[in-house]
Amino acid sequence: MTYIDPSRENFAAFKALPRDEPIHMLNLLRYRELADYPDGHEHAGKGWSGRRAYQEYAKTSGPIFARLGGTIVWAGAFQAMVIGPEAEYWHNGFVAMYPDANAFLAMISDPDYQAAVVNRVAAVEDSRLIRFNPGEAGGGFG
């Protein structure tokens, strides 16, 4: 089973959480070998890889994310599964910080973002998006 968009139930749970506090969103991404654009889209037939389509998503959605106060607090490339299903792998991961959940909701409802997200859908074979309440950095575990 793969996940590209949130289920109705997961999105309802997200919206039921506090909206007026900072949030961190862990993003795990596995790209398609070949991007899967809908017929008639301007990038359909270009032969882009999933990674290239995700770069287009980043380029077109990034200004909206930044305008709403979002920042990337960590990013990295997958190397090995240490704890978890051995067959599960990701190409990239990052943590996006939003000033609050309202900023995330404003981003995904922005018409320019909705036009950009087609690149993400074309790019991603599987993904995870996990909301966290940011804790203090620099201390010990837990």
N, C-alpha and C. Protein backbone atom coordinates (compact mmCIF):
# COMPACT_ATOMS: atom_id res chain seq x y z
N MET A 1 0.84 -1.18 0.00
CA MET A 1 0.00 0.00 0.00
C MET A 1 0.89 1.24 0.00
N THR A 2 0.52 2.22 -0.80
CA THR A 2 1.27 3.47 -0.86
C THR A 2 0.38 4.63 -0.48
N TYR A 3 1.01 5.73 -0.14
CA TYR A 3 0.29 6.90 0.35
C TYR A 3 0.82 8.14 -0.36
N ILE A 4 -0.07 8.86 -1.01
CA ILE A 4 0.29 10.10 -1.69
C ILE A 4 -0.44 11.28 -1.03
N ASP A 5 -1.74 11.11 -0.81
CA ASP A 5 -2.58 12.15 -0.21
C ASP A 5 -3.14 11.66 1.12
N PRO A 6 -3.52 12.58 2.01
CA PRO A 6 -4.07 12.14 3.29
C PRO A 6 -5.46 11.51 3.11
N SER A 7 -5.74 10.53 3.95
CA SER A 7 -7.11 9.98 3.98
C SER A 7 -8.02 11.02 4.64
N ARG A 8 -9.28 10.87 4.40
CA ARG A 8 -10.28 11.76 5.02
C ARG A 8 -10.15 11.73 6.55
N GLU A 9 -9.96 10.52 7.10
CA GLU A 9 -9.86 10.36 8.56
C GLU A 9 -8.59 11.01 9.11
N ASN A 10 -7.46 10.79 8.43
CA ASN A 10 -6.21 11.38 8.91
C ASN A 10 -6.26 12.91 8.83
N PHE A 11 -6.84 13.43 7.77
CA PHE A 11 -6.92 14.89 7.64
C PHE A 11 -7.85 15.48 8.69
N ALA A 12 -8.94 14.79 9.00
CA ALA A 12 -9.85 15.25 10.06
C ALA A 12 -9.12 15.26 11.41
N ALA A 13 -8.29 14.24 11.67
CA ALA A 13 -7.51 14.21 12.92
C ALA A 13 -6.52 15.36 12.97
N PHE A 14 -5.88 15.67 11.85
CA PHE A 14 -4.96 16.82 11.78
C PHE A 14 -5.71 18.11 12.12
N LYS A 15 -6.87 18.31 11.51
CA LYS A 15 -7.62 19.55 11.71
C LYS A 15 -8.19 19.67 13.12
N ALA A 16 -8.36 18.54 13.81
CA ALA A 16 -8.89 18.56 15.17
C ALA A 16 -7.84 18.97 16.21
N LEU A 17 -6.56 18.93 15.83
CA LEU A 17 -5.49 19.33 16.75
C LEU A 17 -5.42 20.86 16.82
N PRO A 18 -4.73 21.39 17.85
CA PRO A 18 -4.62 22.85 17.95
C PRO A 18 -4.05 23.47 16.68
N ARG A 19 -4.61 24.61 16.31
CA ARG A 19 -4.19 25.28 15.07
C ARG A 19 -3.33 26.51 15.31
N ASP A 20 -3.14 26.89 16.56
CA ASP A 20 -2.48 28.16 16.86
C ASP A 20 -1.10 28.00 17.50
N GLU A 21 -0.45 26.87 17.24
CA GLU A 21 0.89 26.64 17.77
C GLU A 21 1.79 26.13 16.65
N PRO A 22 3.11 26.35 16.79
CA PRO A 22 4.03 25.87 15.74
C PRO A 22 3.91 24.35 15.56
N ILE A 23 4.13 23.91 14.33
CA ILE A 23 4.14 22.48 14.05
C ILE A 23 5.34 22.14 13.19
N HIS A 24 5.83 20.93 13.36
CA HIS A 24 6.85 20.36 12.49
C HIS A 24 6.21 19.22 11.73
N MET A 25 6.50 19.14 10.43
CA MET A 25 5.95 18.09 9.59
C MET A 25 7.11 17.28 9.02
N LEU A 26 7.21 16.02 9.45
CA LEU A 26 8.21 15.10 8.92
C LEU A 26 7.70 14.59 7.57
N ASN A 27 8.48 14.77 6.54
CA ASN A 27 8.17 14.33 5.18
C ASN A 27 9.15 13.24 4.79
N LEU A 28 8.66 12.07 4.40
CA LEU A 28 9.48 11.00 3.86
C LEU A 28 9.01 10.75 2.44
N LEU A 29 9.95 10.69 1.50
CA LEU A 29 9.60 10.64 0.08
C LEU A 29 10.29 9.50 -0.64
N ARG A 30 9.51 8.77 -1.43
CA ARG A 30 10.03 7.80 -2.37
C ARG A 30 9.52 8.22 -3.74
N TYR A 31 10.45 8.49 -4.65
CA TYR A 31 10.08 9.01 -5.96
C TYR A 31 9.77 7.89 -6.95
N ARG A 32 8.91 8.20 -7.89
CA ARG A 32 8.68 7.30 -9.02
C ARG A 32 9.92 7.32 -9.91
N GLU A 33 10.16 6.24 -10.60
CA GLU A 33 11.26 6.22 -11.56
C GLU A 33 10.96 7.24 -12.67
N LEU A 34 9.73 7.24 -13.15
CA LEU A 34 9.30 8.17 -14.19
C LEU A 34 8.08 8.91 -13.67
N ALA A 35 8.10 10.23 -13.72
CA ALA A 35 6.97 11.04 -13.24
C ALA A 35 5.70 10.65 -13.99
N ASP A 36 4.58 10.70 -13.29
CA ASP A 36 3.29 10.28 -13.85
C ASP A 36 2.33 11.46 -13.88
N TYR A 37 2.47 12.29 -14.92
CA TYR A 37 1.60 13.45 -15.08
C TYR A 37 0.31 13.06 -15.78
N PRO A 38 -0.78 13.77 -15.48
CA PRO A 38 -2.02 13.51 -16.21
C PRO A 38 -1.88 13.93 -17.68
N ASP A 39 -2.60 13.25 -18.55
CA ASP A 39 -2.60 13.61 -19.97
C ASP A 39 -2.97 15.08 -20.12
N GLY A 40 -2.26 15.76 -21.00
CA GLY A 40 -2.55 17.16 -21.26
C GLY A 40 -1.81 18.13 -20.37
N HIS A 41 -1.18 17.66 -19.28
CA HIS A 41 -0.43 18.57 -18.42
C HIS A 41 0.82 19.04 -19.16
N GLU A 42 1.24 20.26 -18.90
CA GLU A 42 2.38 20.85 -19.61
C GLU A 42 3.67 20.03 -19.48
N HIS A 43 3.80 19.23 -18.41
CA HIS A 43 5.02 18.43 -18.23
C HIS A 43 4.86 16.97 -18.66
N ALA A 44 3.64 16.58 -19.03
CA ALA A 44 3.42 15.21 -19.49
C ALA A 44 4.26 14.96 -20.75
N GLY A 45 4.86 13.80 -20.82
CA GLY A 45 5.62 13.44 -22.00
C GLY A 45 7.03 13.98 -22.06
N LYS A 46 7.46 14.72 -21.02
CA LYS A 46 8.82 15.25 -21.01
C LYS A 46 9.85 14.21 -20.59
N GLY A 47 9.38 13.08 -20.07
CA GLY A 47 10.30 12.03 -19.64
C GLY A 47 11.00 12.34 -18.33
N TRP A 48 10.41 13.22 -17.52
CA TRP A 48 11.02 13.58 -16.24
C TRP A 48 11.01 12.40 -15.28
N SER A 49 12.04 12.31 -14.47
CA SER A 49 12.06 11.37 -13.36
C SER A 49 11.15 11.92 -12.26
N GLY A 50 10.81 11.04 -11.32
CA GLY A 50 10.04 11.51 -10.17
C GLY A 50 10.80 12.58 -9.39
N ARG A 51 12.10 12.38 -9.24
CA ARG A 51 12.93 13.37 -8.53
C ARG A 51 12.86 14.73 -9.23
N ARG A 52 12.93 14.73 -10.57
CA ARG A 52 12.87 15.99 -11.32
C ARG A 52 11.49 16.65 -11.15
N ALA A 53 10.43 15.85 -11.15
CA ALA A 53 9.09 16.41 -10.94
C ALA A 53 8.96 17.00 -9.54
N TYR A 54 9.60 16.35 -8.55
CA TYR A 54 9.55 16.90 -7.18
C TYR A 54 10.32 18.21 -7.10
N GLN A 55 11.41 18.32 -7.84
CA GLN A 55 12.14 19.59 -7.89
C GLN A 55 11.23 20.70 -8.45
N GLU A 56 10.42 20.37 -9.43
CA GLU A 56 9.47 21.34 -9.98
C GLU A 56 8.43 21.72 -8.92
N TYR A 57 7.97 20.73 -8.16
CA TYR A 57 7.04 21.00 -7.06
C TYR A 57 7.68 21.95 -6.04
N ALA A 58 8.93 21.68 -5.68
CA ALA A 58 9.64 22.55 -4.72
C ALA A 58 9.77 23.97 -5.25
N LYS A 59 10.09 24.09 -6.53
CA LYS A 59 10.26 25.41 -7.14
C LYS A 59 8.95 26.19 -7.17
N THR A 60 7.85 25.51 -7.46
CA THR A 60 6.57 26.21 -7.60
C THR A 60 5.81 26.38 -6.29
N SER A 61 6.03 25.49 -5.33
CA SER A 61 5.33 25.62 -4.05
C SER A 61 6.16 26.34 -2.99
N GLY A 62 7.48 26.36 -3.16
CA GLY A 62 8.37 26.96 -2.17
C GLY A 62 8.06 28.41 -1.83
N PRO A 63 7.80 29.27 -2.80
CA PRO A 63 7.48 30.66 -2.47
C PRO A 63 6.20 30.80 -1.63
N ILE A 64 5.23 29.94 -1.85
CA ILE A 64 4.00 29.98 -1.05
C ILE A 64 4.30 29.55 0.37
N PHE A 65 5.05 28.46 0.52
CA PHE A 65 5.48 27.95 1.82
C PHE A 65 6.23 29.03 2.59
N ALA A 66 7.17 29.72 1.95
CA ALA A 66 7.96 30.77 2.61
C ALA A 66 7.10 31.97 2.96
N ARG A 67 6.20 32.36 2.06
CA ARG A 67 5.33 33.53 2.32
C ARG A 67 4.48 33.31 3.56
N LEU A 68 4.11 32.07 3.84
CA LEU A 68 3.28 31.76 5.01
C LEU A 68 4.10 31.49 6.26
N GLY A 69 5.43 31.70 6.17
CA GLY A 69 6.29 31.57 7.35
C GLY A 69 6.92 30.21 7.52
N GLY A 70 6.82 29.35 6.53
CA GLY A 70 7.41 28.02 6.64
C GLY A 70 8.91 28.04 6.39
N THR A 71 9.60 27.13 7.05
CA THR A 71 11.04 26.94 6.84
C THR A 71 11.36 25.45 6.94
N ILE A 72 12.44 25.05 6.29
CA ILE A 72 12.92 23.68 6.41
C ILE A 72 13.95 23.69 7.54
N VAL A 73 13.70 22.86 8.57
CA VAL A 73 14.61 22.84 9.72
C VAL A 73 15.63 21.70 9.64
N TRP A 74 15.38 20.73 8.76
CA TRP A 74 16.31 19.62 8.57
C TRP A 74 15.95 18.94 7.25
N ALA A 75 16.95 18.49 6.53
CA ALA A 75 16.74 17.70 5.31
C ALA A 75 17.89 16.72 5.17
N GLY A 76 17.59 15.55 4.58
CA GLY A 76 18.64 14.57 4.39
C GLY A 76 18.26 13.53 3.36
N ALA A 77 19.25 12.77 2.94
CA ALA A 77 19.06 11.68 2.00
C ALA A 77 19.13 10.35 2.75
N PHE A 78 18.22 9.47 2.46
CA PHE A 78 18.11 8.16 3.11
C PHE A 78 19.38 7.35 2.89
N GLN A 79 19.81 6.63 3.94
CA GLN A 79 20.94 5.72 3.81
C GLN A 79 20.60 4.29 4.20
N ALA A 80 19.92 4.09 5.33
CA ALA A 80 19.62 2.72 5.77
C ALA A 80 18.48 2.73 6.78
N MET A 81 17.68 1.67 6.76
CA MET A 81 16.63 1.47 7.77
C MET A 81 17.29 0.78 8.95
N VAL A 82 17.29 1.42 10.09
CA VAL A 82 17.90 0.86 11.30
C VAL A 82 16.83 0.16 12.14
N ILE A 83 15.70 0.81 12.34
CA ILE A 83 14.55 0.22 13.03
C ILE A 83 13.35 0.44 12.13
N GLY A 84 12.71 -0.63 11.74
CA GLY A 84 11.55 -0.53 10.87
C GLY A 84 11.59 -1.63 9.83
N PRO A 85 10.57 -1.66 8.97
CA PRO A 85 10.53 -2.71 7.95
C PRO A 85 11.75 -2.67 7.05
N GLU A 86 12.41 -3.81 6.91
CA GLU A 86 13.66 -3.86 6.14
C GLU A 86 13.46 -3.46 4.68
N ALA A 87 12.30 -3.74 4.12
CA ALA A 87 12.05 -3.44 2.71
C ALA A 87 11.65 -1.98 2.49
N GLU A 88 11.39 -1.25 3.56
CA GLU A 88 10.95 0.14 3.42
C GLU A 88 12.16 1.04 3.23
N TYR A 89 12.10 1.90 2.25
CA TYR A 89 13.18 2.86 2.02
C TYR A 89 12.59 4.16 1.52
N TRP A 90 13.37 5.21 1.66
CA TRP A 90 12.96 6.55 1.23
C TRP A 90 14.12 7.16 0.48
N HIS A 91 13.83 8.00 -0.47
CA HIS A 91 14.90 8.71 -1.16
C HIS A 91 15.35 9.93 -0.37
N ASN A 92 14.40 10.66 0.16
CA ASN A 92 14.71 11.88 0.91
C ASN A 92 13.75 12.03 2.07
N GLY A 93 14.18 12.82 3.04
CA GLY A 93 13.33 13.21 4.14
C GLY A 93 13.65 14.63 4.54
N PHE A 94 12.66 15.30 5.10
CA PHE A 94 12.89 16.64 5.63
C PHE A 94 11.83 16.97 6.67
N VAL A 95 12.15 17.95 7.50
CA VAL A 95 11.20 18.46 8.48
C VAL A 95 10.91 19.90 8.11
N ALA A 96 9.63 20.16 7.85
CA ALA A 96 9.16 21.52 7.54
C ALA A 96 8.53 22.10 8.80
N MET A 97 8.88 23.33 9.13
CA MET A 97 8.30 24.03 10.27
C MET A 97 7.30 25.04 9.74
N TYR A 98 6.12 25.05 10.33
CA TYR A 98 5.09 26.05 10.04
C TYR A 98 4.83 26.82 11.32
N PRO A 99 4.59 28.14 11.21
CA PRO A 99 4.33 28.91 12.43
C PRO A 99 3.12 28.40 13.19
N ASP A 100 2.18 27.79 12.47
CA ASP A 100 1.01 27.16 13.09
C ASP A 100 0.30 26.33 12.03
N ALA A 101 -0.66 25.53 12.47
CA ALA A 101 -1.39 24.67 11.54
C ALA A 101 -2.20 25.49 10.54
N ASN A 102 -2.63 26.69 10.95
CA ASN A 102 -3.37 27.54 10.03
C ASN A 102 -2.53 27.89 8.80
N ALA A 103 -1.22 28.06 8.98
CA ALA A 103 -0.34 28.35 7.84
C ALA A 103 -0.31 27.16 6.88
N PHE A 104 -0.24 25.95 7.41
CA PHE A 104 -0.28 24.76 6.56
C PHE A 104 -1.60 24.69 5.81
N LEU A 105 -2.70 24.91 6.51
CA LEU A 105 -4.02 24.87 5.87
C LEU A 105 -4.16 25.96 4.81
N ALA A 106 -3.61 27.15 5.10
CA ALA A 106 -3.64 28.23 4.10
C ALA A 106 -2.83 27.85 2.87
N MET A 107 -1.70 27.18 3.08
CA MET A 107 -0.87 26.78 1.94
C MET A 107 -1.63 25.81 1.04
N ILE A 108 -2.19 24.76 1.62
CA ILE A 108 -2.81 23.74 0.78
C ILE A 108 -4.10 24.21 0.13
N SER A 109 -4.69 25.30 0.62
CA SER A 109 -5.89 25.84 -0.01
C SER A 109 -5.59 26.97 -0.99
N ASP A 110 -4.33 27.40 -1.07
CA ASP A 110 -3.92 28.46 -1.99
C ASP A 110 -4.05 27.95 -3.44
N PRO A 111 -4.70 28.69 -4.33
CA PRO A 111 -4.85 28.23 -5.71
C PRO A 111 -3.52 27.98 -6.43
N ASP A 112 -2.51 28.77 -6.16
CA ASP A 112 -1.20 28.54 -6.79
C ASP A 112 -0.57 27.25 -6.26
N TYR A 113 -0.76 26.97 -4.98
CA TYR A 113 -0.26 25.70 -4.43
C TYR A 113 -1.00 24.53 -5.07
N GLN A 114 -2.30 24.66 -5.20
CA GLN A 114 -3.08 23.57 -5.79
C GLN A 114 -2.64 23.28 -7.22
N ALA A 115 -2.20 24.31 -7.94
CA ALA A 115 -1.66 24.10 -9.28
C ALA A 115 -0.29 23.43 -9.20
N ALA A 116 0.49 23.75 -8.18
CA ALA A 116 1.85 23.19 -8.03
C ALA A 116 1.83 21.75 -7.57
N VAL A 117 0.84 21.36 -6.77
CA VAL A 117 0.85 20.04 -6.14
C VAL A 117 0.73 18.91 -7.16
N VAL A 118 0.28 19.20 -8.37
CA VAL A 118 0.24 18.16 -9.40
C VAL A 118 1.64 17.61 -9.66
N ASN A 119 2.66 18.44 -9.47
CA ASN A 119 4.04 17.99 -9.61
C ASN A 119 4.41 16.99 -8.52
N ARG A 120 3.94 17.23 -7.31
CA ARG A 120 4.21 16.30 -6.20
C ARG A 120 3.54 14.96 -6.47
N VAL A 121 2.29 15.00 -6.87
CA VAL A 121 1.55 13.77 -7.15
C VAL A 121 2.22 12.98 -8.27
N ALA A 122 2.69 13.69 -9.30
CA ALA A 122 3.37 13.03 -10.41
C ALA A 122 4.71 12.44 -9.96
N ALA A 123 5.35 13.06 -8.98
CA ALA A 123 6.70 12.70 -8.57
C ALA A 123 6.76 11.53 -7.61
N VAL A 124 5.81 11.44 -6.70
CA VAL A 124 5.94 10.58 -5.53
C VAL A 124 5.27 9.23 -5.73
N GLU A 125 6.03 8.18 -5.50
CA GLU A 125 5.49 6.81 -5.50
C GLU A 125 4.86 6.49 -4.15
N ASP A 126 5.48 6.97 -3.07
CA ASP A 126 4.99 6.74 -1.72
C ASP A 126 5.55 7.85 -0.83
N SER A 127 4.83 8.15 0.23
CA SER A 127 5.30 9.22 1.12
C SER A 127 4.67 9.05 2.49
N ARG A 128 5.23 9.76 3.44
CA ARG A 128 4.65 9.90 4.76
C ARG A 128 4.73 11.37 5.12
N LEU A 129 3.69 11.85 5.77
CA LEU A 129 3.66 13.22 6.29
C LEU A 129 3.14 13.11 7.70
N ILE A 130 4.00 13.43 8.66
CA ILE A 130 3.69 13.20 10.07
C ILE A 130 3.85 14.50 10.84
N ARG A 131 2.78 14.90 11.52
CA ARG A 131 2.79 16.14 12.30
C ARG A 131 3.36 15.89 13.69
N PHE A 132 4.25 16.81 14.10
CA PHE A 132 4.82 16.79 15.45
C PHE A 132 4.65 18.15 16.10
N ASN A 133 4.52 18.14 17.42
CA ASN A 133 4.59 19.35 18.21
C ASN A 133 6.08 19.54 18.52
N PRO A 134 6.69 20.64 18.06
CA PRO A 134 8.15 20.81 18.25
C PRO A 134 8.53 20.80 19.72
N GLY A 135 9.60 20.09 20.02
CA GLY A 135 10.15 20.08 21.37
C GLY A 135 11.44 20.88 21.42
N GLU A 136 12.08 20.82 22.55
CA GLU A 136 13.35 21.52 22.74
C GLU A 136 14.48 20.74 22.07
N ALA A 137 15.31 21.43 21.35
CA ALA A 137 16.46 20.81 20.71
C ALA A 137 17.67 20.84 21.64
N GLY A 138 18.58 19.90 21.45
CA GLY A 138 19.85 19.95 22.15
C GLY A 138 19.92 19.18 23.44
N GLY A 139 18.79 18.70 23.96
CA GLY A 139 18.83 17.95 25.20
C GLY A 139 19.10 16.48 24.95
N GLY A 140 18.75 15.66 25.90
CA GLY A 140 18.92 14.24 25.76
C GLY A 140 17.75 13.61 25.03
N PHE A 141 17.76 12.29 24.94
CA PHE A 141 16.67 11.57 24.29
C PHE A 141 15.39 11.73 25.10
N GLY A 142 14.26 11.72 24.38
CA GLY A 142 12.96 11.70 25.03
C GLY A 142 12.49 13.01 25.47
